[in-house]
Protein backbone atom coordinates (compact mmCIF):
# COMPACT_ATOMS: atom_id res chain seq x y z
CA MET A 1 -64.82 -43.04 2.56
CA LYS A 2 -64.12 -45.27 5.58
CA LYS A 3 -62.29 -48.53 4.96
CA HIS A 4 -63.00 -51.67 7.01
CA TYR A 5 -60.17 -53.91 8.19
CA LYS A 6 -59.94 -57.06 10.32
CA ILE A 7 -57.29 -57.34 13.04
CA GLY A 8 -56.26 -60.82 14.19
CA ALA A 9 -55.51 -61.41 17.86
CA ARG A 10 -54.98 -64.35 20.17
CA GLY A 11 -57.96 -65.11 22.36
CA SER A 12 -56.26 -64.30 25.68
CA LEU A 13 -57.42 -61.29 27.67
CA LEU A 14 -54.00 -59.66 27.36
CA SER A 15 -53.82 -60.15 23.59
CA VAL A 16 -57.31 -58.75 23.08
CA THR A 17 -56.58 -55.83 25.41
CA GLN A 18 -53.38 -54.78 23.65
CA THR A 19 -55.04 -55.26 20.27
CA LYS A 20 -57.84 -52.93 21.39
CA LEU A 21 -55.20 -50.32 22.25
CA MET A 22 -53.87 -50.54 18.68
CA GLN A 23 -57.43 -50.60 17.29
CA LYS A 24 -58.21 -47.29 18.97
CA LYS A 25 -54.94 -45.71 17.80
CA LEU A 26 -55.49 -46.79 14.22
CA GLN A 27 -59.09 -45.61 14.18
CA ASP A 28 -58.08 -42.25 15.68
CA LEU A 29 -55.20 -41.84 13.20
CA THR A 30 -57.02 -42.95 10.05
CA GLY A 31 -60.77 -42.60 10.61
CA ASP A 32 -61.19 -46.17 9.33
CA VAL A 33 -62.93 -49.09 11.04
CA PHE A 34 -60.82 -51.92 12.48
CA ASP A 35 -62.68 -55.00 13.76
CA ILE A 36 -60.96 -57.54 16.05
CA ILE A 37 -61.09 -61.25 15.19
CA THR A 38 -59.89 -63.59 17.96
CA ILE A 39 -58.08 -66.80 17.03
CA LYS A 40 -56.90 -69.46 19.48
CA THR A 41 -53.26 -70.54 19.15
CA GLN A 42 -51.46 -73.69 20.24
CA GLY A 43 -49.64 -71.73 22.94
CA ASP A 44 -52.95 -70.63 24.44
CA MET A 45 -54.49 -74.09 24.39
CA ASN A 46 -51.52 -76.09 25.74
CA THR A 47 -50.45 -74.73 29.12
CA SER A 48 -49.31 -78.03 30.64
CA ALA A 49 -45.63 -77.74 29.68
CA PRO A 50 -42.99 -75.03 29.17
CA LEU A 51 -42.82 -73.84 25.56
CA TRP A 52 -39.21 -74.95 25.20
CA GLN A 53 -40.26 -78.55 25.93
CA MET A 54 -43.04 -78.58 23.31
CA GLN A 55 -42.59 -79.96 19.79
CA GLY A 56 -42.64 -77.41 16.98
CA LYS A 57 -42.37 -73.64 16.91
CA ASP A 58 -44.38 -70.43 16.51
CA PHE A 59 -46.74 -71.55 19.28
CA PHE A 60 -48.42 -68.13 19.56
CA THR A 61 -48.40 -67.15 15.88
CA LYS A 62 -48.96 -70.15 13.56
CA GLU A 63 -52.78 -69.99 13.46
CA LEU A 64 -52.72 -66.21 13.05
CA ASP A 65 -50.19 -66.52 10.22
CA GLU A 66 -52.45 -68.98 8.42
CA ALA A 67 -55.47 -66.69 8.74
CA LEU A 68 -53.46 -63.75 7.42
CA LEU A 69 -52.12 -65.69 4.43
CA LYS A 70 -55.64 -66.92 3.58
CA GLY A 71 -56.97 -63.36 3.64
CA GLU A 72 -59.32 -64.03 6.56
CA ILE A 73 -57.77 -61.07 8.39
CA ASP A 74 -55.89 -57.97 7.19
CA LEU A 75 -53.37 -57.50 9.98
CA VAL A 76 -52.19 -59.02 13.25
CA VAL A 77 -51.02 -57.46 16.51
CA HIS A 78 -48.36 -59.55 18.27
CA SER A 79 -46.28 -59.20 21.38
CA TYR A 80 -43.02 -58.77 19.46
CA LYS A 81 -41.15 -61.19 21.74
CA ASP A 82 -43.48 -63.98 20.51
CA LEU A 83 -42.30 -63.62 16.90
CA GLY A 84 -39.67 -66.05 15.73
CA SER A 85 -36.58 -65.00 13.82
CA ILE A 86 -37.87 -66.51 10.57
CA ARG A 87 -41.33 -65.41 9.50
CA PRO A 88 -43.50 -67.04 6.79
CA GLU A 89 -42.92 -65.87 3.25
CA GLY A 90 -45.41 -63.21 2.26
CA ILE A 91 -45.86 -61.73 5.75
CA LYS A 92 -44.34 -58.30 6.41
CA LEU A 93 -43.51 -56.48 9.62
CA ALA A 94 -45.50 -53.27 9.13
CA ALA A 95 -44.98 -51.45 12.43
CA VAL A 96 -43.24 -51.61 15.81
CA THR A 97 -44.97 -49.60 18.50
CA LYS A 98 -43.46 -47.48 21.25
CA ARG A 99 -42.64 -49.63 24.24
CA SER A 100 -42.50 -48.90 27.91
CA PHE A 101 -41.89 -51.09 30.94
CA ALA A 102 -39.90 -53.77 29.15
CA HIS A 103 -38.88 -54.97 32.61
CA ASP A 104 -39.81 -58.16 34.39
CA ILE A 105 -41.64 -57.72 37.68
CA LEU A 106 -41.66 -60.04 40.68
CA LEU A 107 -44.94 -60.37 42.58
CA ILE A 108 -44.99 -61.70 46.14
CA LYS A 109 -47.45 -61.89 49.03
CA ASN A 110 -46.94 -59.38 51.83
CA ALA A 111 -47.24 -62.34 54.21
CA THR A 112 -44.35 -64.07 52.44
CA ILE A 113 -42.12 -60.99 52.76
CA ALA A 114 -42.84 -60.97 56.50
CA LYS A 115 -41.52 -64.52 56.90
CA LEU A 116 -38.47 -64.41 54.57
CA LYS A 117 -36.22 -64.36 57.62
CA THR A 118 -37.38 -67.82 58.69
CA VAL A 119 -37.72 -69.74 55.40
CA ASN A 120 -34.96 -71.93 53.94
CA GLU A 121 -36.01 -71.66 50.31
CA VAL A 122 -37.97 -69.32 48.04
CA VAL A 123 -39.94 -70.91 45.18
CA VAL A 124 -40.46 -68.60 42.18
CA GLY A 125 -42.91 -69.39 39.39
CA THR A 126 -41.66 -68.99 35.81
CA SER A 127 -41.18 -71.17 32.73
CA SER A 128 -38.74 -68.94 30.86
CA PRO A 129 -35.22 -70.44 30.54
CA ARG A 130 -33.55 -67.01 30.81
CA ARG A 131 -35.56 -66.17 33.93
CA ILE A 132 -34.78 -69.57 35.45
CA VAL A 133 -31.03 -69.09 34.98
CA ASN A 134 -30.81 -65.47 36.13
CA ILE A 135 -33.32 -65.74 38.98
CA GLU A 136 -31.74 -68.84 40.52
CA LYS A 137 -28.29 -67.30 40.19
CA LYS A 138 -28.89 -63.69 41.31
CA LEU A 139 -32.26 -63.03 42.90
CA ALA A 140 -31.26 -64.01 46.46
CA GLN A 141 -28.97 -60.96 46.69
CA TYR A 142 -31.91 -58.61 46.12
CA LEU A 143 -34.36 -60.07 48.65
CA PRO A 144 -34.07 -59.36 52.40
CA TYR A 145 -32.70 -62.22 54.54
CA CYS A 146 -32.13 -64.38 51.46
CA ALA A 147 -28.45 -63.85 50.57
CA GLU A 148 -27.50 -67.36 51.74
CA LYS A 149 -30.79 -69.05 50.84
CA LYS A 150 -31.79 -71.15 47.87
CA ILE A 151 -33.97 -69.69 45.11
CA THR A 152 -35.80 -72.44 43.23
CA THR A 153 -37.92 -71.99 40.11
CA LYS A 154 -41.08 -73.95 39.32
CA MET A 155 -43.04 -74.20 36.07
CA LEU A 156 -45.69 -71.50 35.62
CA ARG A 157 -47.96 -71.27 32.54
CA GLY A 158 -51.39 -69.81 31.78
CA ASN A 159 -52.78 -66.36 31.18
CA VAL A 160 -51.74 -63.49 33.43
CA ASN A 161 -54.69 -63.67 35.81
CA THR A 162 -54.34 -67.44 36.16
CA ARG A 163 -50.66 -67.05 37.05
CA ILE A 164 -51.36 -64.42 39.69
CA LYS A 165 -54.16 -66.54 41.16
CA LYS A 166 -51.73 -69.46 41.53
CA LEU A 167 -49.49 -67.16 43.57
CA VAL A 168 -52.42 -65.97 45.68
CA ASP A 169 -53.47 -69.59 46.26
CA GLY A 170 -50.03 -70.45 47.64
CA GLU A 171 -48.58 -72.55 44.80
CA PHE A 172 -45.49 -70.30 44.75
CA ASP A 173 -43.70 -67.91 47.08
CA ALA A 174 -43.33 -65.42 44.21
CA ILE A 175 -43.82 -65.24 40.45
CA VAL A 176 -42.14 -63.23 37.69
CA LEU A 177 -44.13 -61.70 34.83
CA ALA A 178 -43.58 -59.16 32.06
CA MET A 179 -44.47 -55.75 33.48
CA ALA A 180 -45.70 -54.50 30.09
CA GLY A 181 -48.50 -57.06 30.03
CA LEU A 182 -49.74 -56.10 33.48
CA GLU A 183 -49.55 -52.43 32.58
CA ARG A 184 -51.66 -52.96 29.46
CA LEU A 185 -54.31 -54.82 31.45
CA THR A 186 -54.87 -51.66 33.52
CA SER A 187 -56.30 -50.02 30.38
CA ASN A 188 -59.18 -52.54 30.31
CA GLU A 189 -61.87 -51.67 32.86
CA GLU A 190 -62.92 -55.28 33.43
CA ALA A 191 -59.32 -56.51 33.65
CA LEU A 192 -58.41 -53.64 35.97
CA LYS A 193 -61.13 -54.58 38.47
CA GLU A 194 -60.01 -58.21 38.50
CA LEU A 195 -56.35 -57.23 38.75
CA GLN A 196 -57.06 -54.92 41.68
CA ILE A 197 -58.65 -57.81 43.57
CA LEU A 198 -55.87 -60.26 42.68
CA ILE A 199 -53.01 -58.02 43.84
CA LYS A 200 -54.76 -56.78 47.01
CA ASP A 201 -52.36 -58.62 49.34
CA LEU A 202 -49.32 -58.59 47.05
CA ASN A 203 -46.17 -56.53 46.82
CA PHE A 204 -43.73 -56.15 43.93
CA PHE A 205 -40.11 -55.74 42.90
CA ILE A 206 -39.33 -54.38 39.41
CA LEU A 207 -36.24 -56.30 38.31
CA PRO A 208 -33.45 -53.96 37.10
CA GLN A 209 -32.47 -54.54 33.49
CA SER A 210 -28.75 -54.29 34.29
CA ILE A 211 -29.04 -57.44 36.44
CA PHE A 212 -32.12 -59.25 35.06
CA PRO A 213 -32.45 -58.22 31.40
CA SER A 214 -35.79 -59.04 29.81
CA SER A 215 -36.55 -61.04 26.69
CA ALA A 216 -35.40 -59.56 23.39
CA SER A 217 -38.09 -57.11 22.15
CA GLN A 218 -40.16 -57.48 25.33
CA GLY A 219 -42.63 -54.65 25.81
CA ALA A 220 -42.99 -53.81 22.12
CA LEU A 221 -45.95 -54.71 19.91
CA ALA A 222 -45.36 -55.84 16.33
CA VAL A 223 -48.00 -55.31 13.64
CA GLU A 224 -47.87 -57.57 10.59
CA CYS A 225 -49.79 -57.71 7.31
CA LEU A 226 -49.34 -59.26 3.88
CA GLU A 227 -46.35 -58.02 1.94
CA SER A 228 -48.29 -57.97 -1.33
CA ARG A 229 -51.72 -56.42 -1.18
CA THR A 230 -53.88 -55.05 -3.97
CA ASP A 231 -54.40 -51.67 -2.28
CA ASN A 232 -51.26 -49.90 -3.54
CA ASN A 233 -49.68 -50.07 -0.05
CA GLU A 234 -52.57 -48.12 1.48
CA LEU A 235 -52.79 -50.32 4.59
CA LEU A 236 -49.02 -50.49 4.97
CA ASN A 237 -48.83 -46.69 4.97
CA LYS A 238 -51.54 -46.47 7.61
CA LEU A 239 -49.85 -49.03 9.86
CA ALA A 240 -46.54 -47.16 9.55
CA LEU A 241 -48.15 -44.37 11.59
CA LEU A 242 -47.74 -46.64 14.64
CA ASN A 243 -43.96 -46.87 14.29
CA ASP A 244 -41.67 -45.63 17.05
CA GLU A 245 -38.13 -45.10 15.78
CA LYS A 246 -36.42 -45.34 19.17
CA THR A 247 -38.06 -48.68 19.90
CA ILE A 248 -37.22 -49.93 16.41
CA GLU A 249 -33.55 -49.10 16.92
CA GLU A 250 -33.46 -50.81 20.32
CA VAL A 251 -35.36 -53.94 19.28
CA ARG A 252 -33.33 -54.37 16.09
CA ARG A 253 -30.20 -54.68 18.22
CA GLU A 254 -31.85 -57.01 20.71
CA ARG A 255 -33.05 -59.40 18.03
CA LYS A 256 -29.67 -59.35 16.31
CA ALA A 257 -28.04 -60.45 19.60
CA PHE A 258 -30.85 -62.98 20.16
CA ASN A 259 -30.11 -64.60 16.79
CA ALA A 260 -26.36 -64.51 17.40
CA TYR A 261 -26.86 -66.56 20.58
CA GLY A 262 -28.88 -69.16 18.68
CA GLY A 263 -32.44 -67.85 19.16
CA GLY A 264 -35.46 -69.97 19.99
CA CYS A 265 -37.72 -70.23 23.03
CA HIS A 266 -35.10 -72.41 24.74
CA LEU A 267 -32.53 -69.58 24.80
CA ALA A 268 -31.48 -68.85 28.38
CA VAL A 269 -30.17 -65.31 27.81
CA GLY A 270 -31.92 -62.07 28.72
CA ILE A 271 -31.19 -59.28 26.22
CA HIS A 272 -32.10 -55.64 26.70
CA VAL A 273 -30.93 -52.59 24.76
CA ARG A 274 -31.76 -49.08 25.92
CA LYS A 275 -31.15 -45.90 23.94
CA VAL A 276 -29.86 -43.11 26.18
CA GLY A 277 -29.05 -39.91 24.32
CA ASP A 278 -27.04 -40.98 21.28
CA HIS A 279 -25.85 -44.16 22.97
CA PHE A 280 -27.23 -47.69 23.21
CA LEU A 281 -26.77 -49.62 26.46
CA HIS A 282 -26.52 -53.38 26.04
CA TYR A 283 -27.35 -55.78 28.88
CA HIS A 284 -27.05 -59.53 28.14
CA GLU A 285 -27.18 -62.08 30.98
CA GLY A 286 -27.59 -65.87 30.99
CA THR A 287 -25.98 -69.00 29.62
CA VAL A 288 -25.48 -70.58 26.19
CA ASP A 289 -24.14 -74.15 25.93
CA ASN A 290 -23.01 -73.97 29.58
CA GLN A 291 -21.07 -70.80 28.85
CA VAL A 292 -21.86 -67.79 31.04
CA ILE A 293 -22.99 -64.69 29.12
CA SER A 294 -22.58 -61.40 30.97
CA VAL A 295 -22.44 -58.27 28.83
CA LYS A 296 -22.77 -54.69 30.01
CA THR A 297 -21.52 -52.36 27.33
CA MET A 298 -22.31 -49.26 25.32
CA GLU A 299 -22.66 -48.62 21.60
CA PRO A 300 -20.75 -46.83 20.27
CA ALA A 301 -18.05 -47.87 22.71
CA PRO A 302 -16.65 -44.97 24.77
CA ALA A 303 -13.54 -43.63 23.06
CA ILE A 304 -11.24 -43.69 26.07
CA THR A 305 -7.48 -44.07 25.88
CA LYS A 306 -5.68 -44.65 29.15
CA THR A 307 -2.55 -42.47 29.10
CA SER A 308 -1.37 -43.18 32.66
CA SER A 309 -1.63 -46.08 35.11
CA LEU A 310 -3.66 -43.99 37.58
CA TYR A 311 -7.40 -43.42 37.46
CA PHE A 312 -9.87 -41.76 39.80
CA LEU A 313 -13.14 -43.42 40.88
CA GLY A 314 -15.13 -40.85 42.82
CA MET A 315 -16.32 -43.20 45.53
CA GLY A 316 -15.67 -42.85 49.25
CA LYS A 317 -13.01 -45.49 49.83
CA LYS A 318 -9.37 -45.31 50.79
CA SER A 319 -7.13 -45.07 47.72
CA GLU A 320 -5.09 -48.15 46.93
CA GLY A 321 -2.61 -49.03 44.20
CA ASN A 322 -3.38 -47.22 40.96
CA ILE A 323 -7.01 -46.53 41.94
CA LEU A 324 -7.71 -43.18 43.59
CA TYR A 325 -10.92 -42.75 45.55
CA ASP A 326 -12.45 -39.54 46.84
CA GLU A 327 -10.41 -38.48 49.88
CA LEU A 328 -11.36 -34.82 49.63
CA ILE A 329 -15.10 -34.61 50.29
CA LEU A 330 -16.41 -35.59 53.73
CA LYS A 331 -20.00 -36.75 54.18
CA THR A 332 -21.45 -36.29 57.64
CA PRO A 333 -24.74 -38.03 58.57
CA LEU A 334 -27.79 -36.01 59.56
CA ALA A 335 -30.49 -37.66 61.68
CA GLN A 336 -34.01 -37.62 60.24
CA ASN A 337 -37.20 -39.28 61.44
CA LEU A 338 -38.92 -40.83 58.42
CA SER A 339 -41.96 -42.19 60.24
CA SER A 340 -44.38 -39.45 59.10
CA HIS A 341 -44.14 -40.46 55.41
CA ASN A 342 -44.06 -43.86 53.67
CA HIS A 343 -42.65 -43.36 50.15
CA TYR A 344 -38.92 -42.71 49.63
CA PHE A 345 -36.20 -42.70 46.99
CA VAL A 346 -32.76 -43.45 48.46
CA THR A 347 -30.12 -41.73 46.33
CA SER A 348 -27.01 -42.74 48.27
CA ARG A 349 -25.66 -45.20 50.82
CA HIS A 350 -25.03 -42.14 53.01
CA CYS A 351 -28.79 -41.97 53.65
CA LEU A 352 -29.17 -45.52 54.95
CA HIS A 353 -28.71 -44.69 58.64
CA ASN A 354 -32.16 -43.09 58.73
CA LEU A 355 -34.07 -46.04 57.28
CA ASN A 356 -34.55 -47.61 60.72
CA THR A 357 -37.17 -44.90 61.40
CA LEU A 358 -39.44 -45.93 58.50
CA PRO A 359 -43.08 -46.78 59.19
CA LYS A 360 -43.93 -50.48 58.85
CA ASN A 361 -45.93 -49.91 55.66
CA HIS A 362 -43.70 -48.22 53.08
CA PHE A 363 -42.39 -48.29 49.50
CA LEU A 364 -38.67 -47.86 48.82
CA TRP A 365 -36.69 -47.16 45.64
CA SER A 366 -32.90 -47.21 45.23
CA ALA A 367 -30.59 -45.24 42.95
CA GLY A 368 -28.81 -48.37 41.76
CA ALA A 369 -28.00 -52.01 42.44
CA LYS A 370 -25.32 -51.36 45.08
CA THR A 371 -27.60 -49.18 47.21
CA HIS A 372 -30.38 -51.73 46.73
CA LYS A 373 -28.17 -54.50 48.12
CA LYS A 374 -27.25 -52.45 51.16
CA MET A 375 -30.93 -51.76 51.87
CA VAL A 376 -31.73 -55.46 51.53
CA ASP A 377 -28.88 -56.24 53.95
CA MET A 378 -30.78 -54.11 56.48
CA GLY A 379 -33.80 -56.40 56.05
CA LEU A 380 -35.76 -53.90 53.92
CA TRP A 381 -37.97 -54.71 50.94
CA VAL A 382 -37.03 -52.57 47.92
CA ASN A 383 -39.63 -52.08 45.19
CA GLY A 384 -37.30 -51.09 42.39
CA SER A 385 -34.28 -49.15 41.23
CA ALA A 386 -33.43 -46.25 38.96
CA ASP A 387 -30.72 -48.66 37.79
CA SER A 388 -28.11 -45.86 37.74
CA LEU A 389 -30.10 -44.12 34.97
CA GLY A 390 -31.36 -41.27 37.13
CA ALA A 391 -34.75 -39.65 37.62
CA PRO A 392 -36.37 -40.51 34.23
CA GLU A 393 -36.23 -44.24 34.95
CA LEU A 394 -37.93 -43.87 38.32
CA LYS A 395 -40.44 -41.28 37.11
CA ALA A 396 -41.68 -43.77 34.51
CA PHE A 397 -42.39 -46.28 37.27
CA LEU A 398 -44.23 -43.68 39.34
CA ASP A 399 -46.40 -42.83 36.31
CA SER A 400 -47.32 -46.48 35.80
CA LYS A 401 -51.01 -47.24 36.39
CA LEU A 402 -49.99 -50.66 37.72
CA ILE A 403 -47.66 -49.18 40.34
CA GLN A 404 -50.26 -46.58 41.26
CA LEU A 405 -52.69 -49.46 41.82
CA PHE A 406 -50.21 -51.04 44.23
CA MET A 407 -49.78 -47.70 45.99
CA GLN A 408 -53.54 -47.39 46.47
CA ASN A 409 -53.76 -50.91 47.88
CA HIS A 410 -50.92 -50.25 50.32
CA GLN A 411 -52.07 -46.70 51.15
CA ILE A 412 -48.73 -45.31 50.02
CA ASN A 413 -48.33 -41.55 49.62
CA ALA A 414 -48.38 -40.67 45.94
CA ASP A 415 -45.79 -37.93 46.46
CA LEU A 416 -42.24 -39.20 46.71
CA ARG A 417 -39.63 -37.91 49.18
CA VAL A 418 -35.99 -38.02 48.08
CA LEU A 419 -33.28 -38.88 50.61
CA THR A 420 -30.17 -36.95 49.62
CA ASN A 421 -27.69 -34.35 50.93
CA ASP A 422 -28.50 -31.01 52.55
CA GLU A 423 -27.92 -28.95 49.38
CA SER A 424 -29.67 -30.99 46.68
CA ARG A 425 -33.09 -30.28 45.26
CA HIS A 426 -34.62 -33.13 43.30
CA GLU A 427 -37.02 -33.13 40.37
CA LEU A 428 -38.89 -36.20 41.65
CA GLY A 429 -40.06 -34.63 44.89
CA PRO A 430 -39.16 -32.82 48.13
CA SER A 431 -35.67 -33.53 49.45
CA VAL A 432 -34.90 -34.89 52.90
CA ALA A 433 -31.36 -33.97 54.00
CA CYS A 434 -29.62 -37.10 55.31
CA TYR A 435 -26.01 -35.92 55.16
CA THR A 436 -23.84 -32.85 54.64
CA ARG A 437 -20.88 -32.46 52.31
CA SER A 438 -17.73 -30.59 53.31
CA VAL A 439 -14.24 -30.28 51.89
CA GLN A 440 -11.16 -31.29 53.82
CA THR A 441 -8.71 -28.45 54.36
CA ASN A 442 -5.65 -30.66 54.88
CA ILE A 443 -4.98 -32.64 51.74
CA ASP A 444 -2.58 -35.56 51.89
CA GLY A 445 0.51 -34.66 49.84
CA THR A 446 0.80 -38.08 48.20
CA PHE A 447 -2.86 -38.05 47.19
CA SER A 448 -2.52 -34.51 45.81
CA ALA A 449 0.54 -35.46 43.73
CA LYS A 450 -1.23 -38.51 42.29
CA ILE A 451 -4.34 -36.51 41.36
CA LYS A 452 -2.11 -34.14 39.35
CA GLN A 453 -0.73 -37.14 37.43
CA THR A 454 -4.12 -38.72 36.79
CA LYS A 455 -5.64 -38.44 33.33
CA LEU A 456 -8.79 -40.53 33.74
CA PHE A 457 -11.62 -39.56 36.12
CA TYR A 458 -15.01 -41.00 37.01
CA TRP A 459 -17.17 -38.38 38.75
CA THR A 460 -20.12 -39.33 40.96
CA SER A 461 -21.51 -35.78 41.10
CA PHE A 462 -21.01 -32.41 39.44
CA PHE A 463 -20.31 -30.94 42.88
CA GLN A 464 -17.41 -33.36 43.21
CA TYR A 465 -15.94 -32.24 39.88
CA GLN A 466 -16.27 -28.56 40.81
CA THR A 467 -14.61 -29.15 44.17
CA TYR A 468 -11.60 -30.88 42.64
CA LEU A 469 -11.34 -28.34 39.83
CA LYS A 470 -10.88 -25.49 42.33
CA LEU A 471 -7.87 -27.23 43.84
CA PHE A 472 -6.52 -28.91 40.72
CA PRO A 473 -6.82 -26.68 37.61
CA GLU A 474 -4.86 -29.38 35.77
CA LEU A 475 -8.19 -31.16 35.29
CA THR A 476 -8.94 -28.92 32.31
CA GLN A 477 -5.93 -30.12 30.30
CA ASN A 478 -6.82 -31.53 26.89
CA ASP A 479 -5.40 -35.00 27.56
CA THR A 480 -7.57 -35.48 30.67
CA VAL A 481 -10.63 -37.71 30.18
CA HIS A 482 -13.71 -37.19 32.34
CA THR A 483 -16.39 -39.86 32.67
CA CYS A 484 -19.57 -40.31 34.72
CA GLY A 485 -22.72 -42.42 34.93
CA LEU A 486 -25.88 -41.99 32.88
CA GLY A 487 -28.04 -40.12 35.39
CA LYS A 488 -28.09 -36.73 37.06
CA THR A 489 -24.31 -36.14 36.91
CA TRP A 490 -24.25 -36.52 33.12
CA GLN A 491 -27.23 -34.17 32.87
CA GLU A 492 -25.48 -31.46 34.92
CA PHE A 493 -22.24 -31.73 32.93
CA SER A 494 -24.28 -31.39 29.74
CA GLU A 495 -26.18 -28.36 31.08
CA HIS A 496 -22.83 -26.67 31.84
CA LYS A 497 -21.54 -27.67 28.36
CA ILE A 498 -18.54 -29.52 29.79
CA ALA A 499 -17.28 -32.42 27.69
CA ILE A 500 -17.66 -35.75 29.47
CA THR A 501 -17.95 -39.38 28.41
CA PRO A 502 -20.91 -41.29 29.89
CA ILE A 503 -20.25 -44.96 30.69
CA PRO A 504 -22.64 -47.67 31.90
CA ASP A 505 -20.57 -48.66 34.92
CA PRO A 506 -17.36 -47.45 36.62
CA GLY A 507 -16.06 -51.00 36.42
CA PHE A 508 -15.65 -50.36 32.68
CA LEU A 509 -12.53 -48.29 33.47
CA LYS A 510 -10.85 -51.27 35.12
CA THR A 511 -10.93 -53.11 31.80
CA LEU A 512 -8.82 -50.51 30.01
């Protein structure tokens, strides 16, 4: 026999939309009927001031909590980031849903991008303390022609559509929103039509979590109900079907860090935790009590013991001091005309020389923050980054309905071309050879001697490891530690069953 339940939701379009997503899942999973009851909250009604300046707390949950405790509703669907650390007695967290696109996304007019070279200041709309701190401090480095310019933030409140309309109407040069909210709106036919009109003349930049970490638990939905019900836990068991263990593990760590920094809507620290394999990446950026917080680490911490003063970083610089760079593999540019296509993933700085042949209308993605910066230095707009996490990170963006909407508006080719070397084949799309790799025949004797003494290596590709192994069989000794990033290189080492320690950033080795 079908049971009937009432789901509480805030009255905003986004809240109702994401509650409808959970309504459908629950009805499909259980066969029961779940009706949505909308309830206005203080946070929805008062949009004249930033939340951190308002008196009180639980601005988006208090009225819903009261309705739940009175039995007027059976469960509530929240954006998890809206839940405070201390919840009312009698209310239980029943489920945490799978999250995607926890990132923040910057929206900007195409016309504004065209004039970035001439402006003195860029005004970005946001009311989040963590966004204010990190955007004003770091965003200029990731926008073309803005490295020496001032980024100023200005208060932005209201529902999603209202915020975008303020951008369209010229109240801001750009705004920053939670990507998850925009993505969910694409599932609502009415919201999708309105969104498509609103973003018609806009472009975007998905902020990388390693530089601009999002709010703790952003992107996840939390489902709550009463802890004590008279149904022998029947509803609790049904809601548990929505749980996603990976998200639960990530969010638990984020909220623990959030509380450790003091918590509250005034907290100016972005906190993001990502599970990669059996590891958890931690990114914390912001300020607490005028103290700079900048954490990029991995849990469990890589078990690396430095047994010699030398270490190898497989980049293409000239070796200096106790740091050895790659002096063995030569990379020779290949000229390519990119004007016949308009959608590219740039995997390496060695591909940049061809970007001056791009058509005017294009979308660009970078492998990581360093490549992104170099592209920006060329005056190019970059839409996002794989953030040194490899193909899965970028593929998720390409599968996003929101990003596909932008591609349609800009008439961007849905198929991606990957700028790489002449031997690579890439899972994201056809490869465009921008450079060749060759091995030097004359090896400097001093460099060779130092490599033989080195016990700690950071490899930037599996090809690089194989090349060095042919010349230096000492690399297989038991006391030699091999490390790499978290993308394609780690995947190839794993496929060949070669022991290697993944680390979030090569700079980690300099701290040993």
